[in-house]
Amino acid sequence: MELKAAIEARTSVRNFTETPIPVSDLKEMVRLAACAPSVNNYQPWKFVAILNNELMEDMADVIVRKISQIPSNESKVAQNVKSQVEWYATFFKNAPAVIAVCMELYETILEKGVDLSHDEINKMRNYPDIQSAGAAIQNLLLASVDMGYGACWMSAPMISKSELEVMIGIENPMQLIAFVAVGEPAHPLKPKEKKAVDEVFSVIG
């Protein structure tokens, strides 16, 4: 598939068949993900493919417990909102694979010569660590489409980030950034309509 076709075909897939994904295919997706640009070519990422259904169920349970602990407001929709968030944060348990995207924080040369913390500099530079991870995740999503799979970028599970890091063995200096659920789509999906280019593009001459 040509790059343009893969970009236009990509959409978030949240329902998958039970067909397993060969580890060789997951490895190729990660190889392509790691071709992404990163701050100063630091390549701060690691990718952990989780195929163990029991572990995925346990991870989902941890997330559900964390969501249940979030204080609700007095609105009538509070319970429905939590139920929706629960599903969007845990549907990965029904995927053949979930890829945990992990990253090591980038220490800039600026940190060696100024009296500012990493977090302060990172905020000043608009989070190049996270931008680097996002570039790799986009490559991973496009690679999955190109290889005939579907995928979904998931940030909601990070509500239980520290617990999940322990469960999948992520240790300092690496930290968990996002999940990408991957599998064969359960049914064909039409990409969502995007804004017209004239709504999002301007030129300063």
C-alpha atoms as a PDB file:
ATOM      1  CA  MET A   1       0.000   0.000   0.000  1.00  0.00           C
ATOM      2  CA  GLU A   2       1.309   3.451  -0.874  1.00  0.00           C
ATOM      3  CA  LEU A   3       1.863   5.885   1.981  1.00  0.00           C
ATOM      4  CA  LYS A   4      -0.943   8.212   0.885  1.00  0.00           C
ATOM      5  CA  ALA A   5      -3.396   5.302   0.749  1.00  0.00           C
ATOM      6  CA  ALA A   6      -2.370   4.094   4.210  1.00  0.00           C
ATOM      7  CA  ILE A   7      -2.791   7.587   5.673  1.00  0.00           C
ATOM      8  CA  GLU A   8      -6.244   7.976   4.141  1.00  0.00           C
ATOM      9  CA  ALA A   9      -7.343   4.453   5.149  1.00  0.00           C
ATOM     10  CA  ARG A  10      -6.228   4.699   8.769  1.00  0.00           C
ATOM     11  CA  THR A  11      -8.977   4.869  11.351  1.00  0.00           C
ATOM     12  CA  SER A  12      -9.257   3.869  14.993  1.00  0.00           C
ATOM     13  CA  VAL A  13     -10.211   0.196  15.280  1.00  0.00           C
ATOM     14  CA  ARG A  14     -11.647  -0.926  18.615  1.00  0.00           C
ATOM     15  CA  ASN A  15     -13.265  -4.257  17.722  1.00  0.00           C
ATOM     16  CA  PHE A  16     -11.084  -7.127  16.578  1.00  0.00           C
ATOM     17  CA  THR A  17     -11.324 -10.742  15.472  1.00  0.00           C
ATOM     18  CA  GLU A  18      -9.632 -13.396  17.603  1.00  0.00           C
ATOM     19  CA  THR A  19      -7.078 -14.094  14.874  1.00  0.00           C
ATOM     20  CA  PRO A  20      -3.589 -14.034  16.440  1.00  0.00           C
ATOM     21  CA  ILE A  21      -0.939 -11.705  15.038  1.00  0.00           C
ATOM     22  CA  PRO A  22       2.404 -13.365  14.216  1.00  0.00           C
ATOM     23  CA  VAL A  23       5.197 -11.965  16.360  1.00  0.00           C
ATOM     24  CA  SER A  24       7.124 -11.335  13.134  1.00  0.00           C
ATOM     25  CA  ASP A  25       4.380  -8.909  12.024  1.00  0.00           C
ATOM     26  CA  LEU A  26       4.432  -7.081  15.360  1.00  0.00           C
ATOM     27  CA  LYS A  27       8.209  -6.860  15.133  1.00  0.00           C
ATOM     28  CA  GLU A  28       7.970  -5.321  11.658  1.00  0.00           C
ATOM     29  CA  MET A  29       5.433  -2.753  12.886  1.00  0.00           C
ATOM     30  CA  VAL A  30       7.824  -1.784  15.666  1.00  0.00           C
ATOM     31  CA  ARG A  31      10.756  -1.605  13.257  1.00  0.00           C
ATOM     32  CA  LEU A  32       8.816   0.904  11.190  1.00  0.00           C
ATOM     33  CA  ALA A  33       7.646   2.776  14.282  1.00  0.00           C
ATOM     34  CA  ALA A  34      11.255   3.196  15.337  1.00  0.00           C
ATOM     35  CA  CYS A  35      12.078   4.854  11.990  1.00  0.00           C
ATOM     36  CA  ALA A  36      10.231   7.926  13.261  1.00  0.00           C
ATOM     37  CA  PRO A  37      12.063  11.182  13.981  1.00  0.00           C
ATOM     38  CA  SER A  38      12.940  11.922  17.596  1.00  0.00           C
ATOM     39  CA  VAL A  39      14.481  14.820  19.456  1.00  0.00           C
ATOM     40  CA  ASN A  40      18.201  14.907  18.537  1.00  0.00           C
ATOM     41  CA  ASN A  41      17.754  11.354  17.134  1.00  0.00           C
ATOM     42  CA  TYR A  42      17.650  10.202  20.746  1.00  0.00           C
ATOM     43  CA  GLN A  43      15.317   7.293  19.860  1.00  0.00           C
ATOM     44  CA  PRO A  44      14.006   7.164  23.437  1.00  0.00           C
ATOM     45  CA  TRP A  45      11.471   4.397  22.877  1.00  0.00           C
ATOM     46  CA  LYS A  46      10.909   0.774  23.739  1.00  0.00           C
ATOM     47  CA  PHE A  47       7.930  -1.300  22.647  1.00  0.00           C
ATOM     48  CA  VAL A  48       6.487  -4.240  24.578  1.00  0.00           C
ATOM     49  CA  ALA A  49       3.995  -6.482  22.755  1.00  0.00           C
ATOM     50  CA  ILE A  50       1.547  -8.098  25.172  1.00  0.00           C
ATOM     51  CA  LEU A  51      -0.217 -11.213  23.881  1.00  0.00           C
ATOM     52  CA  ASN A  52      -1.162 -12.812  27.210  1.00  0.00           C
ATOM     53  CA  ASN A  53      -4.961 -12.653  27.568  1.00  0.00           C
ATOM     54  CA  GLU A  54      -4.898 -13.248  31.317  1.00  0.00           C
ATOM     55  CA  LEU A  55      -2.450 -10.386  31.814  1.00  0.00           C
ATOM     56  CA  MET A  56      -4.560  -8.094  29.634  1.00  0.00           C
ATOM     57  CA  GLU A  57      -7.648  -8.947  31.728  1.00  0.00           C
ATOM     58  CA  ASP A  58      -5.721  -8.170  34.912  1.00  0.00           C
ATOM     59  CA  MET A  59      -4.533  -4.870  33.453  1.00  0.00           C
ATOM     60  CA  ALA A  60      -8.099  -3.956  32.505  1.00  0.00           C
ATOM     61  CA  ASP A  61      -9.298  -4.781  36.038  1.00  0.00           C
ATOM     62  CA  VAL A  62      -6.697  -2.420  37.525  1.00  0.00           C
ATOM     63  CA  ILE A  63      -7.905   0.367  35.235  1.00  0.00           C
ATOM     64  CA  VAL A  64     -11.558  -0.252  36.121  1.00  0.00           C
ATOM     65  CA  ARG A  65     -10.745  -0.048  39.831  1.00  0.00           C
ATOM     66  CA  LYS A  66      -8.897   3.222  39.319  1.00  0.00           C
ATOM     67  CA  ILE A  67     -11.832   4.720  37.379  1.00  0.00           C
ATOM     68  CA  SER A  68     -14.238   3.658  40.140  1.00  0.00           C
ATOM     69  CA  GLN A  69     -12.153   5.666  42.618  1.00  0.00           C
ATOM     70  CA  ILE A  70     -12.529   8.933  40.699  1.00  0.00           C
ATOM     71  CA  PRO A  71     -15.014  11.171  42.551  1.00  0.00           C
ATOM     72  CA  SER A  72     -18.246  11.633  40.602  1.00  0.00           C
ATOM     73  CA  ASN A  73     -20.173  14.870  40.392  1.00  0.00           C
ATOM     74  CA  GLU A  74     -23.883  15.096  41.096  1.00  0.00           C
ATOM     75  CA  SER A  75     -25.026  15.010  37.475  1.00  0.00           C
ATOM     76  CA  LYS A  76     -27.472  12.400  36.171  1.00  0.00           C
ATOM     77  CA  VAL A  77     -24.982  11.314  33.523  1.00  0.00           C
ATOM     78  CA  ALA A  78     -22.120  10.625  35.946  1.00  0.00           C
ATOM     79  CA  GLN A  79     -22.548   6.828  35.964  1.00  0.00           C
ATOM     80  CA  ASN A  80     -22.941   6.630  32.195  1.00  0.00           C
ATOM     81  CA  VAL A  81     -19.819   8.722  31.720  1.00  0.00           C
ATOM     82  CA  LYS A  82     -17.779   6.374  33.894  1.00  0.00           C
ATOM     83  CA  SER A  83     -19.117   3.336  32.030  1.00  0.00           C
ATOM     84  CA  GLN A  84     -18.129   4.858  28.702  1.00  0.00           C
ATOM     85  CA  VAL A  85     -14.663   5.747  29.954  1.00  0.00           C
ATOM     86  CA  GLU A  86     -14.284   2.219  31.327  1.00  0.00           C
ATOM     87  CA  TRP A  87     -14.922   0.683  27.936  1.00  0.00           C
ATOM     88  CA  TYR A  88     -12.685   3.089  26.037  1.00  0.00           C
ATOM     89  CA  ALA A  89      -9.892   2.475  28.543  1.00  0.00           C
ATOM     90  CA  THR A  90     -10.101  -1.328  28.555  1.00  0.00           C
ATOM     91  CA  PHE A  91     -11.203  -2.613  25.134  1.00  0.00           C
ATOM     92  CA  PHE A  92      -7.581  -3.586  24.481  1.00  0.00           C
ATOM     93  CA  LYS A  93      -8.270  -6.754  26.502  1.00  0.00           C
ATOM     94  CA  ASN A  94     -10.230  -8.077  23.516  1.00  0.00           C
ATOM     95  CA  ALA A  95      -7.445  -7.381  21.012  1.00  0.00           C
ATOM     96  CA  PRO A  96      -5.005 -10.087  19.871  1.00  0.00           C
ATOM     97  CA  ALA A  97      -2.164  -7.798  20.939  1.00  0.00           C
ATOM     98  CA  VAL A  98      -1.545  -4.552  22.747  1.00  0.00           C
ATOM     99  CA  ILE A  99       1.746  -2.746  22.302  1.00  0.00           C
ATOM    100  CA  ALA A 100       2.962  -0.742  25.277  1.00  0.00           C
ATOM    101  CA  VAL A 101       4.924   2.284  24.082  1.00  0.00           C
ATOM    102  CA  CYS A 102       7.599   3.265  26.585  1.00  0.00           C
ATOM    103  CA  MET A 103      10.085   6.104  26.598  1.00  0.00           C
ATOM    104  CA  GLU A 104      13.158   7.366  28.383  1.00  0.00           C
ATOM    105  CA  LEU A 105      13.187  11.082  29.157  1.00  0.00           C
ATOM    106  CA  TYR A 106      15.571  13.075  26.989  1.00  0.00           C
ATOM    107  CA  GLU A 107      18.181  15.135  28.794  1.00  0.00           C
ATOM    108  CA  THR A 108      18.905  18.246  26.748  1.00  0.00           C
ATOM    109  CA  ILE A 109      22.300  19.930  26.684  1.00  0.00           C
ATOM    110  CA  LEU A 110      20.524  22.970  28.133  1.00  0.00           C
ATOM    111  CA  GLU A 111      20.052  21.077  31.400  1.00  0.00           C
ATOM    112  CA  LYS A 112      23.813  20.998  31.908  1.00  0.00           C
ATOM    113  CA  GLY A 113      24.179  24.790  31.875  1.00  0.00           C
ATOM    114  CA  VAL A 114      21.053  26.352  33.331  1.00  0.00           C
ATOM    115  CA  ASP A 115      19.372  26.283  36.699  1.00  0.00           C
ATOM    116  CA  LEU A 116      16.113  24.747  35.510  1.00  0.00           C
ATOM    117  CA  SER A 117      14.697  21.270  36.079  1.00  0.00           C
ATOM    118  CA  HIS A 118      14.055  18.770  33.308  1.00  0.00           C
ATOM    119  CA  ASP A 119      10.314  19.322  33.700  1.00  0.00           C
ATOM    120  CA  GLU A 120      10.692  23.089  33.415  1.00  0.00           C
ATOM    121  CA  ILE A 121      12.814  22.814  30.267  1.00  0.00           C
ATOM    122  CA  ASN A 122      10.528  20.159  28.825  1.00  0.00           C
ATOM    123  CA  LYS A 123       7.524  22.430  29.294  1.00  0.00           C
ATOM    124  CA  MET A 124       9.436  25.366  27.810  1.00  0.00           C
ATOM    125  CA  ARG A 125      10.199  23.296  24.701  1.00  0.00           C
ATOM    126  CA  ASN A 126       6.605  21.987  24.505  1.00  0.00           C
ATOM    127  CA  TYR A 127       7.390  18.402  25.489  1.00  0.00           C
ATOM    128  CA  PRO A 128       9.755  17.081  22.793  1.00  0.00           C
ATOM    129  CA  ASP A 129       9.796  13.713  24.606  1.00  0.00           C
ATOM    130  CA  ILE A 130       6.074  13.225  24.062  1.00  0.00           C
ATOM    131  CA  GLN A 131       6.271  14.631  20.532  1.00  0.00           C
ATOM    132  CA  SER A 132       8.892  11.990  19.711  1.00  0.00           C
ATOM    133  CA  ALA A 133       6.694   9.227  21.114  1.00  0.00           C
ATOM    134  CA  GLY A 134       3.742  10.532  19.093  1.00  0.00           C
ATOM    135  CA  ALA A 135       5.754  10.338  15.874  1.00  0.00           C
ATOM    136  CA  ALA A 136       6.633   6.701  16.588  1.00  0.00           C
ATOM    137  CA  ILE A 137       3.032   5.839  17.428  1.00  0.00           C
ATOM    138  CA  GLN A 138       1.810   7.352  14.159  1.00  0.00           C
ATOM    139  CA  ASN A 139       4.318   5.216  12.259  1.00  0.00           C
ATOM    140  CA  LEU A 140       3.061   2.179  14.165  1.00  0.00           C
ATOM    141  CA  LEU A 141      -0.556   2.939  13.253  1.00  0.00           C
ATOM    142  CA  LEU A 142       0.269   3.405   9.572  1.00  0.00           C
ATOM    143  CA  ALA A 143       2.386   0.241   9.527  1.00  0.00           C
ATOM    144  CA  SER A 144      -0.544  -1.744  10.924  1.00  0.00           C
ATOM    145  CA  VAL A 145      -2.826  -0.458   8.140  1.00  0.00           C
ATOM    146  CA  ASP A 146      -0.207  -1.204   5.499  1.00  0.00           C
ATOM    147  CA  MET A 147       0.075  -4.782   6.791  1.00  0.00           C
ATOM    148  CA  GLY A 148      -3.675  -5.387   6.731  1.00  0.00           C
ATOM    149  CA  TYR A 149      -4.420  -4.839  10.426  1.00  0.00           C
ATOM    150  CA  GLY A 150      -6.259  -2.215  12.419  1.00  0.00           C
ATOM    151  CA  ALA A 151      -5.062  -0.355  15.499  1.00  0.00           C
ATOM    152  CA  CYS A 152      -6.044   2.236  18.057  1.00  0.00           C
ATOM    153  CA  TRP A 153      -3.860   4.679  19.965  1.00  0.00           C
ATOM    154  CA  MET A 154      -4.920   4.592  23.629  1.00  0.00           C
ATOM    155  CA  SER A 155      -4.125   7.149  26.300  1.00  0.00           C
ATOM    156  CA  ALA A 156      -7.040   6.387  28.657  1.00  0.00           C
ATOM    157  CA  PRO A 157      -5.319   3.353  30.248  1.00  0.00           C
ATOM    158  CA  MET A 158      -2.581   5.689  31.481  1.00  0.00           C
ATOM    159  CA  ILE A 159      -4.901   6.573  34.347  1.00  0.00           C
ATOM    160  CA  SER A 160      -3.265   3.496  35.953  1.00  0.00           C
ATOM    161  CA  LYS A 161       0.186   4.171  34.548  1.00  0.00           C
ATOM    162  CA  SER A 162       2.214   3.328  37.667  1.00  0.00           C
ATOM    163  CA  GLU A 163       0.342   0.070  38.297  1.00  0.00           C
ATOM    164  CA  LEU A 164       0.615  -0.992  34.655  1.00  0.00           C
ATOM    165  CA  GLU A 165       4.351  -0.281  34.617  1.00  0.00           C
ATOM    166  CA  VAL A 166       4.806  -2.764  37.469  1.00  0.00           C
ATOM    167  CA  MET A 167       2.611  -5.380  35.785  1.00  0.00           C
ATOM    168  CA  ILE A 168       4.553  -5.325  32.520  1.00  0.00           C
ATOM    169  CA  GLY A 169       7.993  -4.766  33.982  1.00  0.00           C
ATOM    170  CA  ILE A 170       8.685  -1.189  32.928  1.00  0.00           C
ATOM    171  CA  GLU A 171      11.466   0.192  35.111  1.00  0.00           C
ATOM    172  CA  ASN A 172      13.165   3.547  35.504  1.00  0.00           C
ATOM    173  CA  PRO A 173      14.447   5.331  33.399  1.00  0.00           C
ATOM    174  CA  MET A 174      11.758   4.024  31.014  1.00  0.00           C
ATOM    175  CA  GLN A 175       8.156   5.093  31.518  1.00  0.00           C
ATOM    176  CA  LEU A 176       4.875   4.031  29.967  1.00  0.00           C
ATOM    177  CA  ILE A 177       3.466   6.541  27.474  1.00  0.00           C
ATOM    178  CA  ALA A 178       0.557   4.877  25.656  1.00  0.00           C
ATOM    179  CA  PHE A 179      -0.988   1.619  24.485  1.00  0.00           C
ATOM    180  CA  VAL A 180      -1.676   0.665  20.884  1.00  0.00           C
ATOM    181  CA  ALA A 181      -4.251  -2.113  20.493  1.00  0.00           C
ATOM    182  CA  VAL A 182      -3.653  -4.098  17.297  1.00  0.00           C
ATOM    183  CA  GLY A 183      -5.534  -6.804  15.449  1.00  0.00           C
ATOM    184  CA  GLU A 184      -7.575  -7.831  12.479  1.00  0.00           C
ATOM    185  CA  PRO A 185     -10.651  -5.557  12.336  1.00  0.00           C
ATOM    186  CA  ALA A 186     -13.876  -7.360  13.226  1.00  0.00           C
ATOM    187  CA  HIS A 187     -15.655  -5.552  10.403  1.00  0.00           C
ATOM    188  CA  PRO A 188     -14.784  -3.007   7.715  1.00  0.00           C
ATOM    189  CA  LEU A 189     -14.595   0.565   8.947  1.00  0.00           C
ATOM    190  CA  LYS A 190     -14.867   3.742   6.951  1.00  0.00           C
ATOM    191  CA  PRO A 191     -12.365   6.410   8.037  1.00  0.00           C
ATOM    192  CA  LYS A 192     -14.031   9.285   9.844  1.00  0.00           C
ATOM    193  CA  GLU A 193     -14.576  12.446   7.853  1.00  0.00           C
ATOM    194  CA  LYS A 194     -11.832  14.999   8.334  1.00  0.00           C
ATOM    195  CA  LYS A 195     -11.950  18.773   8.144  1.00  0.00           C
ATOM    196  CA  ALA A 196     -11.366  20.255   4.724  1.00  0.00           C
ATOM    197  CA  VAL A 197      -7.773  21.311   4.159  1.00  0.00           C
ATOM    198  CA  ASP A 198      -8.821  24.958   3.814  1.00  0.00           C
ATOM    199  CA  GLU A 199     -10.077  24.843   7.433  1.00  0.00           C
ATOM    200  CA  VAL A 200      -6.714  23.746   8.790  1.00  0.00           C
ATOM    201  CA  PHE A 201      -4.194  25.312   6.398  1.00  0.00           C
ATOM    202  CA  SER A 202      -2.996  28.863   6.082  1.00  0.00           C
ATOM    203  CA  VAL A 203       0.005  30.592   4.574  1.00  0.00           C
ATOM    204  CA  ILE A 204       2.040  33.501   5.880  1.00  0.00           C
ATOM    205  CA  GLY A 205       3.730  35.005   2.829  1.00  0.00           C
END
